[in-house]
Amino acid sequence: MPVLIERETGDSICVTYNRGSAVYNVPMPENAVKTESLPPEAQIVEMVMAQFVSRLIHLTATLKLPDYLAAGPKTADELAPLTATHAPALYRVMRTLASLGLFTEDQAHRFTLQPLGAALKSGTPSHATALIMGGDLVARSLDNFLYSVQTGKTGFQKSHGMPLFDWLGGHPAEASLFNQTMVGIHGMEPPAVAAAYDFAVFKTIADVGGSTGNMLTAVLARHPAARGILFDLPHVVRDAPAFIADRGLTDRIQIEAGSFFDRVPAGADAYILSHIIHDWNQEQCLTILGHCRRAMGGEGRLLLVEMVLPPGDTPHPGKMLDMAMLTIPGGEERTEAEYATLLDKAGFRLTRVVPTASLVSIVEAAPR
């Protein structure tokens, strides 16, 4: 079970996240104040003000501040004409971003790029993540958060007039950014999944809804005897050939375009669905899982890569992600017991949950 531990080490505070065999230690600044030491009123203010952090990161990516600082330190006065901004206002933004660790400020008020800020340079998955997750696409959905709670419907559809994935199908530039965002958010997971599970027993692995192949290429790179099938919508797999070629796996991956609401490729030994089931409501999930059940043989395996929620009030990042699922695509995160119930309805039995050295687990299921 995941555990969050706040502990003091010398003059600093570490937050330790324990997930299975993986332990993450995040050092906090020496002058940090432990959240639990603040009065409840101050904790609430801190939580509410967190929305400004998201908007600041989005602004950083939009203005391409890391790109302009990559060549060396600059003042806000020097950055203002490059970014078409008001220098005094930009200075206040830069000062705040420096307090978050993206930049540092010297006595001459020059700002220097730090590794955290460099991760937001143009063309990186983190840059795409900041633009998509910190931008209007998500903000307008959250404007209708109350609507989602009152109706169970998505704020995204209310604000944009259609479901998320339909909207992306008509906006190719945003769809490409969304694909990069998924790599940015889940980029550390594929190697962890490939290492945690014995894929060597499979000859053919289908990645259903696999986008550009981030998960499948990681698995095949570690297991050279297997071949893969990448399956997703036509506008999604458009970027896949270049991604796969860059990893030297073109001859081992067959790309198929289609909708998992209509079918999935038949004949694979294993079917990976990475962060797919959490995107959809129960009826839609049963349709997807039903296609997988009919496509696989009796010895096949279904592998759901998801954040499996701990029961009760144990902290877990997936619980906040569940709020994004509620308001944007309309899906949900689940506990192990909830996955077992869903899989049973689709004709599977949950055989085990395999933790990885990341925040996700592999929910393994076999046909009943």
Protein backbone atom coordinates (compact mmCIF):
# COMPACT_ATOMS: atom_id res chain seq x y z
CA MET A 1 0.00 0.00 0.00
CA PRO A 2 1.38 3.46 -0.89
CA VAL A 3 2.55 5.53 2.05
CA LEU A 4 3.50 9.19 2.24
CA ILE A 5 5.93 10.02 5.03
CA GLU A 6 7.10 13.51 5.98
CA ARG A 7 10.32 13.38 7.96
CA GLU A 8 13.04 15.74 9.08
CA THR A 9 16.65 15.08 8.03
CA GLY A 10 18.97 17.61 9.62
CA ASP A 11 17.66 21.06 8.77
CA SER A 12 15.53 19.90 5.86
CA ILE A 13 12.33 17.99 5.26
CA CYS A 14 11.96 14.98 2.98
CA VAL A 15 8.71 13.68 1.57
CA THR A 16 8.97 9.93 0.98
CA TYR A 17 6.54 8.15 -1.32
CA ASN A 18 6.56 4.38 -0.93
CA ARG A 19 5.00 2.26 -3.68
CA GLY A 20 5.77 -1.42 -3.54
CA SER A 21 9.51 -1.76 -3.93
CA ALA A 22 9.91 1.82 -5.13
CA VAL A 23 10.74 4.58 -2.68
CA TYR A 24 10.99 8.21 -3.76
CA ASN A 25 12.67 10.79 -1.52
CA VAL A 26 12.02 14.42 -2.41
CA PRO A 27 14.20 16.90 -0.45
CA MET A 28 12.48 20.13 0.50
CA PRO A 29 14.20 23.53 0.90
CA GLU A 30 15.89 24.15 4.24
CA ASN A 31 13.49 26.98 5.05
CA ALA A 32 10.42 24.91 4.16
CA VAL A 33 7.58 24.81 6.64
CA LYS A 34 6.02 21.43 7.27
CA THR A 35 2.44 21.55 6.11
CA GLU A 36 1.20 19.82 9.23
CA SER A 37 2.74 22.60 11.37
CA LEU A 38 0.55 25.25 9.73
CA PRO A 39 -2.86 26.07 11.20
CA PRO A 40 -5.80 24.68 9.19
CA GLU A 41 -6.67 28.11 7.79
CA ALA A 42 -3.16 28.55 6.37
CA GLN A 43 -3.22 25.05 4.87
CA ILE A 44 -6.46 25.89 3.05
CA VAL A 45 -4.97 29.10 1.66
CA GLU A 46 -1.92 27.16 0.47
CA MET A 47 -4.11 24.61 -1.29
CA VAL A 48 -6.25 27.24 -3.01
CA MET A 49 -3.23 29.26 -4.18
CA ALA A 50 -1.79 26.15 -5.86
CA GLN A 51 -3.85 26.98 -8.97
CA PHE A 52 -1.46 29.86 -9.65
CA VAL A 53 1.46 27.44 -9.94
CA SER A 54 -0.23 25.63 -12.81
CA ARG A 55 -0.92 28.88 -14.62
CA LEU A 56 2.66 30.08 -14.05
CA ILE A 57 4.06 26.90 -15.58
CA HIS A 58 1.73 27.31 -18.54
CA LEU A 59 2.86 30.92 -18.92
CA THR A 60 6.51 29.85 -18.82
CA ALA A 61 5.96 27.44 -21.69
CA THR A 62 3.78 29.86 -23.67
CA LEU A 63 6.35 32.68 -23.48
CA LYS A 64 9.20 30.19 -24.12
CA LEU A 65 11.20 31.71 -21.28
CA PRO A 66 13.52 28.66 -20.96
CA ASP A 67 14.38 28.95 -24.67
CA TYR A 68 15.45 32.57 -24.27
CA LEU A 69 17.51 31.80 -21.16
CA ALA A 70 19.23 28.74 -22.64
CA ALA A 71 22.07 30.89 -24.05
CA GLY A 72 22.74 32.66 -20.76
CA PRO A 73 21.29 34.85 -17.99
CA LYS A 74 18.97 37.74 -18.86
CA THR A 75 17.08 40.40 -16.97
CA ALA A 76 13.33 40.94 -17.25
CA ASP A 77 14.09 44.12 -19.21
CA GLU A 78 15.99 42.03 -21.77
CA LEU A 79 13.32 39.34 -21.89
CA ALA A 80 10.35 41.70 -22.22
CA PRO A 81 10.85 42.67 -25.92
CA LEU A 82 11.54 39.03 -26.79
CA THR A 83 8.29 37.90 -25.18
CA ALA A 84 6.10 40.94 -25.94
CA THR A 85 5.48 41.51 -22.24
CA HIS A 86 5.54 44.38 -19.72
CA ALA A 87 9.00 44.32 -18.10
CA PRO A 88 7.96 45.16 -14.50
CA ALA A 89 5.16 42.58 -14.60
CA LEU A 90 7.47 40.01 -16.17
CA TYR A 91 10.04 40.61 -13.44
CA ARG A 92 7.46 39.76 -10.78
CA VAL A 93 6.59 36.57 -12.66
CA MET A 94 10.26 35.63 -13.05
CA ARG A 95 10.92 36.26 -9.36
CA THR A 96 8.07 33.94 -8.45
CA LEU A 97 9.25 31.28 -10.90
CA ALA A 98 12.73 31.52 -9.35
CA SER A 99 11.18 30.80 -5.96
CA LEU A 100 9.74 27.62 -7.50
CA GLY A 101 13.19 26.51 -8.69
CA LEU A 102 12.83 27.09 -12.45
CA PHE A 103 15.35 29.94 -12.47
CA THR A 104 17.73 31.68 -10.09
CA GLU A 105 18.09 35.46 -9.67
CA ASP A 106 21.40 37.17 -8.95
CA GLN A 107 22.04 40.58 -7.35
CA ALA A 108 21.91 42.27 -10.76
CA HIS A 109 18.40 40.81 -11.24
CA ARG A 110 19.57 38.51 -14.02
CA PHE A 111 17.78 35.19 -14.24
CA THR A 112 19.62 31.94 -14.95
CA LEU A 113 17.94 28.80 -16.24
CA GLN A 114 17.89 25.83 -13.84
CA PRO A 115 17.37 22.12 -14.73
CA LEU A 116 13.73 22.30 -13.68
CA GLY A 117 13.09 25.20 -16.02
CA ALA A 118 15.13 23.59 -18.80
CA ALA A 119 12.67 20.70 -18.82
CA LEU A 120 10.13 23.17 -20.24
CA LYS A 121 12.10 24.11 -23.36
CA SER A 122 10.21 23.96 -26.65
CA GLY A 123 9.75 20.54 -28.21
CA THR A 124 9.99 18.60 -24.95
CA PRO A 125 7.17 16.45 -23.52
CA SER A 126 7.14 18.72 -20.46
CA HIS A 127 6.60 21.77 -22.66
CA ALA A 128 3.60 20.07 -24.27
CA THR A 129 2.31 19.02 -20.85
CA ALA A 130 2.46 22.60 -19.58
CA LEU A 131 0.61 23.91 -22.64
CA ILE A 132 -2.16 21.28 -22.52
CA MET A 133 -2.63 20.67 -18.79
CA GLY A 134 -2.06 24.26 -17.73
CA GLY A 135 -4.00 25.85 -20.57
CA ASP A 136 -7.57 26.68 -21.46
CA LEU A 137 -8.40 23.13 -22.56
CA VAL A 138 -8.27 22.02 -18.92
CA ALA A 139 -9.14 25.36 -17.31
CA ARG A 140 -12.44 25.63 -19.17
CA SER A 141 -13.29 22.09 -18.07
CA LEU A 142 -12.61 22.98 -14.45
CA ASP A 143 -14.83 26.03 -14.81
CA ASN A 144 -17.63 23.46 -15.00
CA PHE A 145 -16.42 21.31 -12.08
CA LEU A 146 -19.68 21.85 -10.17
CA TYR A 147 -21.62 20.77 -13.25
CA SER A 148 -19.60 17.52 -13.36
CA VAL A 149 -20.31 16.79 -9.71
CA GLN A 150 -24.00 17.59 -10.09
CA THR A 151 -24.52 15.53 -13.25
CA GLY A 152 -21.64 13.05 -13.55
CA LYS A 153 -21.00 14.50 -17.03
CA THR A 154 -17.76 16.14 -18.13
CA GLY A 155 -17.00 19.81 -17.83
CA PHE A 156 -15.02 19.46 -21.06
CA GLN A 157 -18.06 18.52 -23.14
CA LYS A 158 -20.11 21.32 -21.59
CA SER A 159 -17.43 23.90 -22.40
CA HIS A 160 -16.31 22.55 -25.79
CA GLY A 161 -19.53 21.05 -27.10
CA MET A 162 -18.19 17.52 -27.62
CA PRO A 163 -16.18 14.81 -25.82
CA LEU A 164 -12.42 15.29 -25.45
CA PHE A 165 -11.26 12.67 -27.95
CA ASP A 166 -13.77 13.77 -30.59
CA TRP A 167 -12.51 17.32 -30.17
CA LEU A 168 -8.89 16.24 -30.53
CA GLY A 169 -9.79 14.42 -33.74
CA GLY A 170 -10.72 17.76 -35.28
CA HIS A 171 -7.71 19.65 -33.92
CA PRO A 172 -4.55 17.94 -35.22
CA ALA A 173 -2.07 20.40 -33.68
CA GLU A 174 -3.60 20.00 -30.24
CA ALA A 175 -3.81 16.23 -30.76
CA SER A 176 -0.06 16.08 -31.37
CA LEU A 177 0.53 18.18 -28.26
CA PHE A 178 -1.78 15.85 -26.34
CA ASN A 179 0.27 12.82 -27.49
CA GLN A 180 3.44 14.54 -26.31
CA THR A 181 1.71 15.40 -23.05
CA MET A 182 0.96 11.73 -22.42
CA VAL A 183 4.67 10.99 -22.89
CA GLY A 184 5.49 13.83 -20.51
CA ILE A 185 3.08 12.66 -17.83
CA HIS A 186 3.70 8.94 -18.16
CA GLY A 187 7.23 8.97 -19.59
CA MET A 188 8.83 7.20 -16.62
CA GLU A 189 6.27 4.40 -16.59
CA PRO A 190 7.10 2.31 -19.72
CA PRO A 191 10.62 1.29 -18.59
CA ALA A 192 9.22 0.46 -15.15
CA VAL A 193 6.43 -1.64 -16.65
CA ALA A 194 8.83 -3.43 -19.02
CA ALA A 195 11.09 -4.29 -16.08
CA ALA A 196 8.36 -5.38 -13.67
CA TYR A 197 6.54 -7.92 -15.83
CA ASP A 198 7.81 -11.00 -17.70
CA PHE A 199 6.79 -10.15 -21.27
CA ALA A 200 9.24 -12.77 -22.58
CA VAL A 201 6.48 -15.40 -22.45
CA PHE A 202 4.58 -13.62 -25.26
CA LYS A 203 5.30 -13.79 -29.00
CA THR A 204 2.93 -10.98 -30.03
CA ILE A 205 1.95 -8.03 -27.85
CA ALA A 206 -0.86 -5.68 -28.86
CA ASP A 207 -0.85 -2.15 -27.43
CA VAL A 208 -4.48 -1.08 -27.66
CA GLY A 209 -4.89 2.68 -27.66
CA GLY A 210 -1.11 2.88 -27.62
CA SER A 211 -0.84 6.36 -29.16
CA THR A 212 2.60 6.74 -30.79
CA GLY A 213 4.06 3.62 -29.19
CA ASN A 214 5.78 4.89 -26.05
CA MET A 215 4.79 1.84 -23.97
CA LEU A 216 5.14 -0.76 -26.71
CA THR A 217 8.62 0.34 -27.78
CA ALA A 218 9.85 0.19 -24.18
CA VAL A 219 8.52 -3.34 -23.76
CA LEU A 220 9.93 -4.61 -27.07
CA ALA A 221 13.31 -2.98 -26.46
CA ARG A 222 13.65 -5.05 -23.30
CA HIS A 223 12.22 -8.24 -24.84
CA PRO A 224 13.80 -8.62 -28.30
CA ALA A 225 12.06 -11.89 -29.24
CA ALA A 226 8.56 -10.37 -29.18
CA ARG A 227 6.74 -8.51 -31.92
CA GLY A 228 4.14 -5.81 -31.46
CA ILE A 229 0.91 -4.41 -32.84
CA LEU A 230 0.19 -0.74 -32.21
CA PHE A 231 -3.51 0.09 -32.47
CA ASP A 232 -5.14 3.51 -32.18
CA LEU A 233 -7.22 6.04 -34.08
CA PRO A 234 -5.89 7.21 -37.48
CA HIS A 235 -5.11 10.76 -36.34
CA VAL A 236 -3.33 9.39 -33.25
CA VAL A 237 -1.04 6.87 -34.97
CA ARG A 238 -0.11 9.47 -37.58
CA ASP A 239 2.94 10.39 -35.49
CA ALA A 240 3.80 6.78 -34.63
CA PRO A 241 6.06 5.77 -37.57
CA ALA A 242 8.63 8.47 -36.81
CA PHE A 243 8.50 7.72 -33.08
CA ILE A 244 9.00 3.98 -33.65
CA ALA A 245 11.71 4.50 -36.27
CA ASP A 246 13.61 6.73 -33.85
CA ARG A 247 13.77 3.74 -31.50
CA GLY A 248 14.89 1.35 -34.24
CA LEU A 249 11.81 -0.89 -34.00
CA THR A 250 10.08 -0.33 -37.34
CA ASP A 251 10.54 -3.95 -38.44
CA ARG A 252 9.05 -5.35 -35.23
CA ILE A 253 5.88 -3.25 -34.91
CA GLN A 254 2.79 -3.40 -37.09
CA ILE A 255 0.68 -0.24 -36.94
CA GLU A 256 -3.08 -0.58 -37.30
CA ALA A 257 -5.56 2.28 -37.32
CA GLY A 258 -9.02 1.83 -35.86
CA SER A 259 -11.29 2.40 -32.90
CA PHE A 260 -11.34 0.05 -29.92
CA PHE A 261 -15.05 0.74 -29.73
CA ASP A 262 -15.39 -1.17 -33.00
CA ARG A 263 -12.71 -3.86 -32.71
CA VAL A 264 -9.17 -4.66 -31.61
CA PRO A 265 -6.57 -6.68 -33.57
CA ALA A 266 -7.01 -10.42 -33.14
CA GLY A 267 -4.42 -13.07 -32.37
CA ALA A 268 -2.05 -11.39 -29.91
CA ASP A 269 -0.86 -13.25 -26.82
CA ALA A 270 -1.10 -10.18 -24.61
CA TYR A 271 -3.16 -7.00 -24.81
CA ILE A 272 -1.77 -3.91 -23.07
CA LEU A 273 -4.16 -1.07 -22.32
CA SER A 274 -2.11 1.69 -20.74
CA HIS A 275 -4.21 4.47 -19.18
CA ILE A 276 -7.13 3.54 -21.43
CA ILE A 277 -9.73 2.10 -19.11
CA HIS A 278 -9.52 5.09 -16.77
CA ASP A 279 -10.63 7.39 -19.61
CA TRP A 280 -14.12 5.95 -20.04
CA ASN A 281 -17.35 5.26 -18.18
CA GLN A 282 -18.32 1.71 -17.24
CA GLU A 283 -20.46 1.02 -20.32
CA GLN A 284 -17.68 2.18 -22.63
CA CYS A 285 -15.09 0.17 -20.67
CA LEU A 286 -17.16 -2.98 -21.04
CA THR A 287 -17.32 -2.42 -24.80
CA ILE A 288 -13.53 -2.05 -25.03
CA LEU A 289 -12.85 -5.01 -22.76
CA GLY A 290 -15.42 -7.10 -24.61
CA HIS A 291 -13.56 -6.57 -27.88
CA CYS A 292 -10.32 -7.60 -26.17
CA ARG A 293 -11.96 -10.71 -24.75
CA ARG A 294 -13.24 -11.80 -28.17
CA ALA A 295 -9.92 -11.05 -29.88
CA MET A 296 -7.71 -13.12 -27.59
CA GLY A 297 -7.39 -16.86 -27.18
CA GLY A 298 -8.11 -18.74 -24.00
CA GLU A 299 -4.49 -18.45 -22.86
CA GLY A 300 -4.15 -14.75 -23.58
CA ARG A 301 -3.54 -12.09 -20.98
CA LEU A 302 -5.03 -8.65 -20.52
CA LEU A 303 -2.66 -6.13 -18.92
CA LEU A 304 -4.13 -2.87 -17.68
CA VAL A 305 -1.48 -0.29 -16.80
CA GLU A 306 -3.13 2.09 -14.36
CA MET A 307 -2.74 3.85 -11.04
CA VAL A 308 -4.49 1.46 -8.68
CA LEU A 309 -5.99 3.48 -5.85
CA PRO A 310 -5.46 2.45 -2.25
CA PRO A 311 -8.72 2.15 -0.30
CA GLY A 312 -9.71 4.60 2.41
CA ASP A 313 -8.03 7.97 2.95
CA THR A 314 -4.46 6.92 2.14
CA PRO A 315 -2.85 9.70 0.03
CA HIS A 316 -2.17 8.79 -3.59
CA PRO A 317 -1.60 10.91 -6.74
CA GLY A 318 -4.25 8.85 -8.51
CA LYS A 319 -6.94 10.36 -6.34
CA MET A 320 -6.23 13.82 -7.74
CA LEU A 321 -5.95 12.34 -11.23
CA ASP A 322 -9.43 10.93 -10.65
CA MET A 323 -10.71 14.51 -10.50
CA ALA A 324 -9.21 15.15 -13.94
CA MET A 325 -10.92 12.01 -15.21
CA LEU A 326 -14.25 13.20 -13.83
CA THR A 327 -14.10 16.64 -15.44
CA ILE A 328 -12.22 16.06 -18.72
CA PRO A 329 -12.64 12.65 -20.44
CA GLY A 330 -15.36 11.26 -18.15
CA GLY A 331 -13.55 8.18 -16.83
CA GLU A 332 -12.34 7.23 -13.37
CA GLU A 333 -9.48 5.74 -11.38
CA ARG A 334 -10.24 2.52 -9.46
CA THR A 335 -9.16 0.39 -6.54
CA GLU A 336 -8.12 -3.24 -7.00
CA ALA A 337 -11.58 -4.38 -5.87
CA GLU A 338 -13.25 -2.05 -8.37
CA TYR A 339 -11.05 -3.38 -11.19
CA ALA A 340 -11.93 -6.94 -10.20
CA THR A 341 -15.64 -6.14 -10.42
CA LEU A 342 -15.30 -4.40 -13.79
CA LEU A 343 -13.21 -7.22 -15.26
CA ASP A 344 -15.63 -9.86 -14.05
CA LYS A 345 -18.47 -8.12 -15.90
CA ALA A 346 -16.34 -8.18 -19.08
CA GLY A 347 -15.61 -11.91 -18.89
CA PHE A 348 -12.22 -11.77 -17.19
CA ARG A 349 -10.87 -12.71 -13.80
CA LEU A 350 -8.27 -10.54 -12.11
CA THR A 351 -5.24 -12.77 -11.50
CA ARG A 352 -2.83 -10.36 -9.81
CA VAL A 353 -1.72 -6.75 -9.49
CA VAL A 354 1.98 -6.25 -10.22
CA PRO A 355 3.57 -3.10 -8.74
CA THR A 356 6.25 -1.27 -10.70
CA ALA A 357 9.02 1.18 -9.82
CA SER A 358 6.64 4.00 -10.73
CA LEU A 359 3.19 5.17 -9.72
CA VAL A 360 1.39 2.63 -11.93
CA SER A 361 0.69 -1.05 -11.47
CA ILE A 362 -0.07 -3.80 -13.98
CA VAL A 363 -3.53 -5.27 -13.47
CA GLU A 364 -3.28 -8.74 -14.99
CA ALA A 365 -6.45 -10.58 -16.05
CA ALA A 366 -7.21 -13.86 -17.80
CA PRO A 367 -10.33 -14.88 -19.74
CA ARG A 368 -12.96 -16.65 -17.66
